[in-house]
């Protein structure tokens, strides 16, 4: 192994601050991208679900209105 102790590993020959900030900022960006994409996908799925339910409700109500109009003309 290149480092004699864990403290030396963290210091990385004097470049530890730069290395760990780079790793940390990369992790923050990747996690942010993941969660933003996931939230957007869930919102899109929710919108599609509501659109489908709305369309089904319109179709059902349209059928009921046509049936009511048909029944009124028969009497």
PDB file of N, CA and C in Angstrom:
ATOM      1  N   UNK A   1       0.853  -1.173   0.000  1.00  0.00           N
ATOM      2  CA  UNK A   1       0.000   0.000   0.000  1.00  0.00           C
ATOM      3  C   UNK A   1       0.899   1.236   0.000  1.00  0.00           C
ATOM      4  N   UNK A   2       0.410   2.307  -0.595  1.00  0.00           N
ATOM      5  CA  UNK A   2       1.217   3.512  -0.747  1.00  0.00           C
ATOM      6  C   UNK A   2       1.301   4.365   0.520  1.00  0.00           C
ATOM      7  N   UNK A   3       0.370   4.223   1.409  1.00  0.00           N
ATOM      8  CA  UNK A   3       0.324   5.071   2.602  1.00  0.00           C
ATOM      9  C   UNK A   3       0.586   4.224   3.844  1.00  0.00           C
ATOM     10  N   UNK A   4       1.339   4.788   4.774  1.00  0.00           N
ATOM     11  CA  UNK A   4       1.668   4.061   6.000  1.00  0.00           C
ATOM     12  C   UNK A   4       0.550   4.126   7.027  1.00  0.00           C
ATOM     13  N   UNK A   5      -0.293   5.154   6.961  1.00  0.00           N
ATOM     14  CA  UNK A   5      -1.383   5.278   7.926  1.00  0.00           C
ATOM     15  C   UNK A   5      -2.595   5.906   7.246  1.00  0.00           C
ATOM     16  N   UNK A   6      -3.709   5.825   7.933  1.00  0.00           N
ATOM     17  CA  UNK A   6      -4.940   6.412   7.391  1.00  0.00           C
ATOM     18  C   UNK A   6      -4.833   7.933   7.317  1.00  0.00           C
ATOM     19  N   UNK A   7      -4.144   8.537   8.270  1.00  0.00           N
ATOM     20  CA  UNK A   7      -3.949   9.992   8.260  1.00  0.00           C
ATOM     21  C   UNK A   7      -3.161  10.421   7.026  1.00  0.00           C
ATOM     22  N   UNK A   8      -2.140   9.641   6.658  1.00  0.00           N
ATOM     23  CA  UNK A   8      -1.381   9.960   5.446  1.00  0.00           C
ATOM     24  C   UNK A   8      -2.259   9.789   4.206  1.00  0.00           C
ATOM     25  N   UNK A   9      -3.118   8.790   4.246  1.00  0.00           N
ATOM     26  CA  UNK A   9      -4.048   8.596   3.131  1.00  0.00           C
ATOM     27  C   UNK A   9      -4.953   9.820   2.967  1.00  0.00           C
ATOM     28  N   UNK A  10      -5.447  10.339   4.075  1.00  0.00           N
ATOM     29  CA  UNK A  10      -6.314  11.522   4.012  1.00  0.00           C
ATOM     30  C   UNK A  10      -5.548  12.755   3.538  1.00  0.00           C
ATOM     31  N   UNK A  11      -4.289  12.884   3.944  1.00  0.00           N
ATOM     32  CA  UNK A  11      -3.476  14.038   3.528  1.00  0.00           C
ATOM     33  C   UNK A  11      -3.029  13.923   2.078  1.00  0.00           C
ATOM     34  N   UNK A  12      -2.847  12.724   1.578  1.00  0.00           N
ATOM     35  CA  UNK A  12      -2.441  12.440   0.203  1.00  0.00           C
ATOM     36  C   UNK A  12      -1.249  13.283  -0.235  1.00  0.00           C
ATOM     37  N   UNK A  13      -0.240  13.269   0.577  1.00  0.00           N
ATOM     38  CA  UNK A  13       0.989  13.970   0.218  1.00  0.00           C
ATOM     39  C   UNK A  13       0.813  15.476   0.128  1.00  0.00           C
ATOM     40  N   UNK A  14      -0.099  16.035   0.902  1.00  0.00           N
ATOM     41  CA  UNK A  14      -0.329  17.476   0.892  1.00  0.00           C
ATOM     42  C   UNK A  14      -1.422  17.921  -0.075  1.00  0.00           C
ATOM     43  N   UNK A  15      -1.947  16.997  -0.851  1.00  0.00           N
ATOM     44  CA  UNK A  15      -2.995  17.328  -1.829  1.00  0.00           C
ATOM     45  C   UNK A  15      -4.373  16.850  -1.378  1.00  0.00           C
ATOM     46  N   UNK A  16      -4.476  16.414  -0.145  1.00  0.00           N
ATOM     47  CA  UNK A  16      -5.720  15.836   0.365  1.00  0.00           C
ATOM     48  C   UNK A  16      -6.908  16.776   0.288  1.00  0.00           C
ATOM     49  N   UNK A  17      -6.703  18.028   0.635  1.00  0.00           N
ATOM     50  CA  UNK A  17      -7.814  18.977   0.596  1.00  0.00           C
ATOM     51  C   UNK A  17      -8.401  19.069  -0.808  1.00  0.00           C
ATOM     52  N   UNK A  18      -7.545  19.233  -1.799  1.00  0.00           N
ATOM     53  CA  UNK A  18      -8.005  19.336  -3.188  1.00  0.00           C
ATOM     54  C   UNK A  18      -8.712  18.053  -3.618  1.00  0.00           C
ATOM     55  N   UNK A  19      -8.111  16.913  -3.303  1.00  0.00           N
ATOM     56  CA  UNK A  19      -8.668  15.626  -3.726  1.00  0.00           C
ATOM     57  C   UNK A  19     -10.035  15.393  -3.098  1.00  0.00           C
ATOM     58  N   UNK A  20     -10.182  15.611  -1.792  1.00  0.00           N
ATOM     59  CA  UNK A  20     -11.438  15.326  -1.119  1.00  0.00           C
ATOM     60  C   UNK A  20     -12.524  16.327  -1.477  1.00  0.00           C
ATOM     61  N   UNK A  21     -12.144  17.577  -1.727  1.00  0.00           N
ATOM     62  CA  UNK A  21     -13.136  18.552  -2.201  1.00  0.00           C
ATOM     63  C   UNK A  21     -13.621  18.160  -3.597  1.00  0.00           C
ATOM     64  N   UNK A  22     -12.703  17.695  -4.438  1.00  0.00           N
ATOM     65  CA  UNK A  22     -13.093  17.257  -5.786  1.00  0.00           C
ATOM     66  C   UNK A  22     -14.029  16.054  -5.710  1.00  0.00           C
ATOM     67  N   UNK A  23     -13.673  15.063  -4.886  1.00  0.00           N
ATOM     68  CA  UNK A  23     -14.551  13.906  -4.723  1.00  0.00           C
ATOM     69  C   UNK A  23     -15.903  14.316  -4.143  1.00  0.00           C
ATOM     70  N   UNK A  24     -15.899  15.162  -3.142  1.00  0.00           N
ATOM     71  CA  UNK A  24     -17.144  15.588  -2.506  1.00  0.00           C
ATOM     72  C   UNK A  24     -18.045  16.362  -3.456  1.00  0.00           C
ATOM     73  N   UNK A  25     -17.468  17.296  -4.205  1.00  0.00           N
ATOM     74  CA  UNK A  25     -18.287  18.083  -5.135  1.00  0.00           C
ATOM     75  C   UNK A  25     -18.825  17.201  -6.258  1.00  0.00           C
ATOM     76  N   UNK A  26     -18.029  16.242  -6.712  1.00  0.00           N
ATOM     77  CA  UNK A  26     -18.516  15.314  -7.733  1.00  0.00           C
ATOM     78  C   UNK A  26     -19.672  14.481  -7.199  1.00  0.00           C
ATOM     79  N   UNK A  27     -19.541  14.010  -5.983  1.00  0.00           N
ATOM     80  CA  UNK A  27     -20.615  13.233  -5.369  1.00  0.00           C
ATOM     81  C   UNK A  27     -21.887  14.059  -5.220  1.00  0.00           C
ATOM     82  N   UNK A  28     -21.755  15.312  -4.817  1.00  0.00           N
ATOM     83  CA  UNK A  28     -22.917  16.187  -4.670  1.00  0.00           C
ATOM     84  C   UNK A  28     -23.603  16.401  -6.021  1.00  0.00           C
ATOM     85  N   UNK A  29     -22.827  16.644  -7.059  1.00  0.00           N
ATOM     86  CA  UNK A  29     -23.400  16.859  -8.397  1.00  0.00           C
ATOM     87  C   UNK A  29     -24.107  15.606  -8.892  1.00  0.00           C
ATOM     88  N   UNK A  30     -23.479  14.448  -8.740  1.00  0.00           N
ATOM     89  CA  UNK A  30     -24.094  13.202  -9.202  1.00  0.00           C
ATOM     90  C   UNK A  30     -25.369  12.869  -8.435  1.00  0.00           C
ATOM     91  N   UNK A  31     -25.338  13.041  -7.122  1.00  0.00           N
ATOM     92  CA  UNK A  31     -26.543  12.776  -6.325  1.00  0.00           C
ATOM     93  C   UNK A  31     -27.656  13.764  -6.662  1.00  0.00           C
ATOM     94  N   UNK A  32     -27.294  15.023  -6.857  1.00  0.00           N
ATOM     95  CA  UNK A  32     -28.298  16.022  -7.236  1.00  0.00           C
ATOM     96  C   UNK A  32     -28.934  15.674  -8.572  1.00  0.00           C
ATOM     97  N   UNK A  33     -28.110  15.299  -9.531  1.00  0.00           N
ATOM     98  CA  UNK A  33     -28.638  14.918 -10.850  1.00  0.00           C
ATOM     99  C   UNK A  33     -29.564  13.714 -10.721  1.00  0.00           C
ATOM    100  N   UNK A  34     -29.177  12.746  -9.918  1.00  0.00           N
ATOM    101  CA  UNK A  34     -30.006  11.560  -9.734  1.00  0.00           C
ATOM    102  C   UNK A  34     -31.361  11.913  -9.135  1.00  0.00           C
ATOM    103  N   UNK A  35     -31.351  12.684  -8.046  1.00  0.00           N
ATOM    104  CA  UNK A  35     -32.611  12.989  -7.367  1.00  0.00           C
ATOM    105  C   UNK A  35     -33.491  13.940  -8.175  1.00  0.00           C
ATOM    106  N   UNK A  36     -32.898  14.884  -8.880  1.00  0.00           N
ATOM    107  CA  UNK A  36     -33.688  15.787  -9.727  1.00  0.00           C
ATOM    108  C   UNK A  36     -34.329  14.996 -10.866  1.00  0.00           C
ATOM    109  N   UNK A  37     -33.562  14.103 -11.480  1.00  0.00           N
ATOM    110  CA  UNK A  37     -34.104  13.279 -12.568  1.00  0.00           C
ATOM    111  C   UNK A  37     -35.206  12.364 -12.051  1.00  0.00           C
ATOM    112  N   UNK A  38     -34.996  11.781 -10.895  1.00  0.00           N
ATOM    113  CA  UNK A  38     -36.014  10.893 -10.310  1.00  0.00           C
ATOM    114  C   UNK A  38     -37.296  11.650  -9.997  1.00  0.00           C
ATOM    115  N   UNK A  39     -37.168  12.839  -9.413  1.00  0.00           N
ATOM    116  CA  UNK A  39     -38.345  13.637  -9.088  1.00  0.00           C
ATOM    117  C   UNK A  39     -39.080  14.060 -10.363  1.00  0.00           C
ATOM    118  N   UNK A  40     -38.335  14.428 -11.394  1.00  0.00           N
ATOM    119  CA  UNK A  40     -38.952  14.808 -12.661  1.00  0.00           C
ATOM    120  C   UNK A  40     -39.687  13.624 -13.283  1.00  0.00           C
ATOM    121  N   UNK A  41     -39.065  12.449 -13.245  1.00  0.00           N
ATOM    122  CA  UNK A  41     -39.708  11.252 -13.803  1.00  0.00           C
ATOM    123  C   UNK A  41     -40.988  10.915 -13.041  1.00  0.00           C
ATOM    124  N   UNK A  42     -40.957  11.029 -11.727  1.00  0.00           N
ATOM    125  CA  UNK A  42     -42.159  10.759 -10.941  1.00  0.00           C
ATOM    126  C   UNK A  42     -43.255  11.765 -11.246  1.00  0.00           C
ATOM    127  N   UNK A  43     -42.887  13.031 -11.442  1.00  0.00           N
ATOM    128  CA  UNK A  43     -43.878  14.049 -11.793  1.00  0.00           C
ATOM    129  C   UNK A  43     -44.488  13.772 -13.159  1.00  0.00           C
ATOM    130  N   UNK A  44     -43.662  13.341 -14.109  1.00  0.00           N
ATOM    131  CA  UNK A  44     -44.178  13.012 -15.443  1.00  0.00           C
ATOM    132  C   UNK A  44     -45.132  11.820 -15.356  1.00  0.00           C
ATOM    133  N   UNK A  45     -44.742  10.799 -14.599  1.00  0.00           N
ATOM    134  CA  UNK A  45     -45.625   9.640 -14.436  1.00  0.00           C
ATOM    135  C   UNK A  45     -46.951  10.047 -13.789  1.00  0.00           C
ATOM    136  N   UNK A  46     -46.885  10.911 -12.804  1.00  0.00           N
ATOM    137  CA  UNK A  46     -48.098  11.387 -12.137  1.00  0.00           C
ATOM    138  C   UNK A  46     -48.990  12.158 -13.113  1.00  0.00           C
ATOM    139  N   UNK A  47     -48.379  13.011 -13.934  1.00  0.00           N
ATOM    140  CA  UNK A  47     -49.154  13.770 -14.920  1.00  0.00           C
ATOM    141  C   UNK A  47     -49.790  12.847 -15.943  1.00  0.00           C
ATOM    142  N   UNK A  48     -49.070  11.832 -16.370  1.00  0.00           N
ATOM    143  CA  UNK A  48     -49.634  10.868 -17.324  1.00  0.00           C
ATOM    144  C   UNK A  48     -50.788  10.117 -16.676  1.00  0.00           C
ATOM    145  N   UNK A  49     -50.618   9.715 -15.428  1.00  0.00           N
ATOM    146  CA  UNK A  49     -51.686   9.004 -14.715  1.00  0.00           C
ATOM    147  C   UNK A  49     -52.944   9.868 -14.610  1.00  0.00           C
ATOM    148  N   UNK A  50     -52.770  11.149 -14.254  1.00  0.00           N
ATOM    149  CA  UNK A  50     -53.930  12.049 -14.144  1.00  0.00           C
ATOM    150  C   UNK A  50     -54.574  12.286 -15.501  1.00  0.00           C
ATOM    151  N   UNK A  51     -53.761  12.404 -16.547  1.00  0.00           N
ATOM    152  CA  UNK A  51     -54.321  12.605 -17.886  1.00  0.00           C
ATOM    153  C   UNK A  51     -55.137  11.395 -18.315  1.00  0.00           C
ATOM    154  N   UNK A  52     -54.637  10.199 -18.023  1.00  0.00           N
ATOM    155  CA  UNK A  52     -55.375   8.989 -18.381  1.00  0.00           C
ATOM    156  C   UNK A  52     -56.678   8.899 -17.594  1.00  0.00           C
ATOM    157  N   UNK A  53     -56.632   9.198 -16.296  1.00  0.00           N
ATOM    158  CA  UNK A  53     -57.858   9.168 -15.494  1.00  0.00           C
ATOM    159  C   UNK A  53     -58.849  10.224 -15.959  1.00  0.00           C
ATOM    160  N   UNK A  54     -58.344  11.392 -16.320  1.00  0.00           N
ATOM    161  CA  UNK A  54     -59.209  12.458 -16.809  1.00  0.00           C
ATOM    162  C   UNK A  54     -59.876  12.051 -18.117  1.00  0.00           C
ATOM    163  N   UNK A  55     -59.087  11.450 -19.008  1.00  0.00           N
ATOM    164  CA  UNK A  55     -59.644  11.010 -20.292  1.00  0.00           C
ATOM    165  C   UNK A  55     -60.692   9.919 -20.076  1.00  0.00           C
ATOM    166  N   UNK A  56     -60.407   8.993 -19.158  1.00  0.00           N
ATOM    167  CA  UNK A  56     -61.388   7.944 -18.870  1.00  0.00           C
ATOM    168  C   UNK A  56     -62.659   8.538 -18.283  1.00  0.00           C
ATOM    169  N   UNK A  57     -62.529   9.515 -17.407  1.00  0.00           N
ATOM    170  CA  UNK A  57     -63.709  10.158 -16.817  1.00  0.00           C
ATOM    171  C   UNK A  57     -64.513  10.886 -17.883  1.00  0.00           C
ATOM    172  N   UNK A  58     -63.826  11.540 -18.813  1.00  0.00           N
ATOM    173  CA  UNK A  58     -64.538  12.226 -19.896  1.00  0.00           C
ATOM    174  C   UNK A  58     -65.286  11.232 -20.763  1.00  0.00           C
ATOM    175  N   UNK A  59     -64.639  10.098 -21.058  1.00  0.00           N
ATOM    176  CA  UNK A  59     -65.292   9.090 -21.880  1.00  0.00           C
ATOM    177  C   UNK A  59     -66.506   8.501 -21.168  1.00  0.00           C
ATOM    178  N   UNK A  60     -66.374   8.230 -19.888  1.00  0.00           N
ATOM    179  CA  UNK A  60     -67.494   7.667 -19.120  1.00  0.00           C
ATOM    180  C   UNK A  60     -68.628   8.676 -19.030  1.00  0.00           C
ATOM    181  N   UNK A  61     -68.308   9.929 -18.729  1.00  0.00           N
ATOM    182  CA  UNK A  61     -69.366  10.932 -18.625  1.00  0.00           C
ATOM    183  C   UNK A  61     -70.001  11.192 -19.985  1.00  0.00           C
ATOM    184  N   UNK A  62     -69.220  11.114 -21.043  1.00  0.00           N
ATOM    185  CA  UNK A  62     -69.772  11.288 -22.383  1.00  0.00           C
ATOM    186  C   UNK A  62     -70.737  10.185 -22.731  1.00  0.00           C
ATOM    187  N   UNK A  63     -70.438   8.965 -22.341  1.00  0.00           N
ATOM    188  CA  UNK A  63     -71.324   7.829 -22.585  1.00  0.00           C
ATOM    189  C   UNK A  63     -72.600   8.002 -21.780  1.00  0.00           C
ATOM    190  N   UNK A  64     -72.490   8.430 -20.541  1.00  0.00           N
ATOM    191  CA  UNK A  64     -73.667   8.607 -19.701  1.00  0.00           C
ATOM    192  C   UNK A  64     -74.552   9.712 -20.253  1.00  0.00           C
ATOM    193  N   UNK A  65     -73.985  10.794 -20.735  1.00  0.00           N
ATOM    194  CA  UNK A  65     -74.774  11.889 -21.301  1.00  0.00           C
ATOM    195  C   UNK A  65     -75.506  11.401 -22.543  1.00  0.00           C
ATOM    196  N   UNK A  66     -74.824  10.652 -23.401  1.00  0.00           N
ATOM    197  CA  UNK A  66     -75.457  10.128 -24.606  1.00  0.00           C
ATOM    198  C   UNK A  66     -76.590   9.179 -24.239  1.00  0.00           C
ATOM    199  N   UNK A  67     -76.396   8.356 -23.220  1.00  0.00           N
ATOM    200  CA  UNK A  67     -77.446   7.432 -22.795  1.00  0.00           C
ATOM    201  C   UNK A  67     -78.646   8.189 -22.248  1.00  0.00           C
ATOM    202  N   UNK A  68     -78.405   9.260 -21.464  1.00  0.00           N
ATOM    203  CA  UNK A  68     -79.483  10.059 -20.904  1.00  0.00           C
ATOM    204  C   UNK A  68     -80.266  10.734 -22.028  1.00  0.00           C
ATOM    205  N   UNK A  69     -79.554  11.272 -23.013  1.00  0.00           N
ATOM    206  CA  UNK A  69     -80.226  11.929 -24.139  1.00  0.00           C
ATOM    207  C   UNK A  69     -81.033  10.914 -24.914  1.00  0.00           C
ATOM    208  N   UNK A  70     -80.500   9.720 -25.096  1.00  0.00           N
ATOM    209  CA  UNK A  70     -81.219   8.663 -25.807  1.00  0.00           C
ATOM    210  C   UNK A  70     -82.467   8.216 -25.059  1.00  0.00           C
ATOM    211  N   UNK A  71     -82.396   8.137 -23.751  1.00  0.00           N
ATOM    212  CA  UNK A  71     -83.546   7.741 -22.942  1.00  0.00           C
ATOM    213  C   UNK A  71     -84.631   8.812 -22.935  1.00  0.00           C
ATOM    214  N   UNK A  72     -84.248  10.073 -22.945  1.00  0.00           N
ATOM    215  CA  UNK A  72     -85.230  11.161 -22.948  1.00  0.00           C
ATOM    216  C   UNK A  72     -85.986  11.220 -24.264  1.00  0.00           C
ATOM    217  N   UNK A  73     -85.328  10.904 -25.376  1.00  0.00           N
ATOM    218  CA  UNK A  73     -86.001  10.980 -26.658  1.00  0.00           C
ATOM    219  C   UNK A  73     -86.964   9.813 -26.846  1.00  0.00           C
ATOM    220  N   UNK A  74     -86.773   8.704 -26.115  1.00  0.00           N
ATOM    221  CA  UNK A  74     -87.665   7.567 -26.228  1.00  0.00           C
ATOM    222  C   UNK A  74     -88.973   7.797 -25.491  1.00  0.00           C
ATOM    223  N   UNK A  75     -88.996   8.657 -24.478  1.00  0.00           N
ATOM    224  CA  UNK A  75     -90.226   8.855 -23.713  1.00  0.00           C
ATOM    225  C   UNK A  75     -91.136   9.845 -24.335  1.00  0.00           C
TER     226      UNK A  75
END
